Amino acid sequence: MTTVLTPASPLTAADRCDRCGAQAYVRVVLLSGGELLFCAHHGRKFEPELKKIAAEIQDETERLTTVPASAGEEER
């Protein structure tokens, strides 16, 4: 997925996928000015079509595979 880095606010646990309600990790700002939020699964599924209508795509799916700094050794 093509990512445009801007000073957009990070997605939080309160941001939910517009398709299924799971936590959102992808924000799509539309050329028309609207905004859509997607979980990683639906972000990947709809990526080809979203690229056609997006002014910006904020992809935070890398957060799904990173280990928090506060995680203990047994959790890594």
Protein backbone atom coordinates (compact mmCIF):
# COMPACT_ATOMS: atom_id res chain seq x y z
CA MET A 1 0.00 0.00 0.00
CA THR A 2 1.36 3.42 -0.87
CA THR A 3 1.73 5.56 2.21
CA VAL A 4 1.85 9.33 2.27
CA LEU A 5 3.45 10.66 5.44
CA THR A 6 1.74 13.78 6.74
CA PRO A 7 1.24 15.31 10.15
CA ALA A 8 -2.08 13.43 10.49
CA SER A 9 -2.93 12.31 13.99
CA PRO A 10 -2.13 8.67 14.77
CA LEU A 11 -4.98 6.19 14.76
CA THR A 12 -6.11 5.04 18.20
CA ALA A 13 -8.02 2.08 19.61
CA ALA A 14 -11.15 4.25 19.40
CA ASP A 15 -10.84 4.44 15.59
CA ARG A 16 -12.90 1.62 14.09
CA CYS A 17 -13.04 0.04 10.63
CA ASP A 18 -15.95 1.39 8.59
CA ARG A 19 -16.50 -2.08 7.12
CA CYS A 20 -16.40 -4.44 10.12
CA GLY A 21 -15.88 -2.42 13.30
CA ALA A 22 -12.43 -3.82 14.15
CA GLN A 23 -9.62 -1.46 15.20
CA ALA A 24 -8.59 0.75 12.28
CA TYR A 25 -4.99 0.79 11.09
CA VAL A 26 -5.57 2.49 7.72
CA ARG A 27 -7.00 5.99 7.16
CA VAL A 28 -7.99 7.00 3.64
CA VAL A 29 -8.56 10.68 2.92
CA LEU A 30 -10.70 10.90 -0.20
CA LEU A 31 -10.22 13.36 -3.05
CA SER A 32 -13.78 14.51 -2.31
CA GLY A 33 -12.69 15.47 1.21
CA GLY A 34 -14.23 12.60 3.16
CA GLU A 35 -12.39 10.03 5.24
CA LEU A 36 -12.62 6.24 5.56
CA LEU A 37 -11.08 4.01 8.22
CA PHE A 38 -10.19 0.35 7.68
CA CYS A 39 -8.71 -2.54 9.62
CA ALA A 40 -5.59 -4.06 8.07
CA HIS A 41 -7.61 -6.83 6.37
CA HIS A 42 -10.08 -4.52 4.65
CA GLY A 43 -7.39 -1.94 3.88
CA ARG A 44 -5.51 -4.61 1.91
CA LYS A 45 -8.69 -5.98 0.33
CA PHE A 46 -9.86 -2.61 -0.99
CA GLU A 47 -6.40 -1.14 -1.68
CA PRO A 48 -6.57 -1.16 -5.52
CA GLU A 49 -9.87 0.73 -5.58
CA LEU A 50 -8.92 3.05 -2.73
CA LYS A 51 -5.78 4.18 -4.56
CA LYS A 52 -8.02 5.48 -7.37
CA ILE A 53 -10.05 7.74 -5.08
CA ALA A 54 -7.57 8.62 -2.31
CA ALA A 55 -5.83 11.93 -1.81
CA GLU A 56 -3.83 10.31 1.01
CA ILE A 57 -3.48 6.89 2.62
CA GLN A 58 -2.18 6.67 6.19
CA ASP A 59 -1.07 3.06 6.78
CA GLU A 60 -0.22 2.09 10.36
CA THR A 61 -0.39 -1.69 9.87
CA GLU A 62 3.26 -2.02 10.92
CA ARG A 63 2.01 -1.50 14.48
CA LEU A 64 0.53 -5.00 14.32
CA THR A 65 3.97 -6.62 14.19
CA THR A 66 6.05 -4.37 16.42
CA VAL A 67 6.74 -5.39 20.01
CA PRO A 68 5.98 -2.66 22.54
CA ALA A 69 9.02 -1.34 24.39
CA SER A 70 7.29 -2.20 27.66
CA ALA A 71 6.99 -5.91 26.74
CA GLY A 72 9.02 -8.25 28.93
CA GLU A 73 11.56 -10.66 27.44
CA GLU A 74 9.11 -13.57 27.73
CA GLU A 75 6.61 -11.64 25.57
CA ARG A 76 9.07 -10.91 22.75
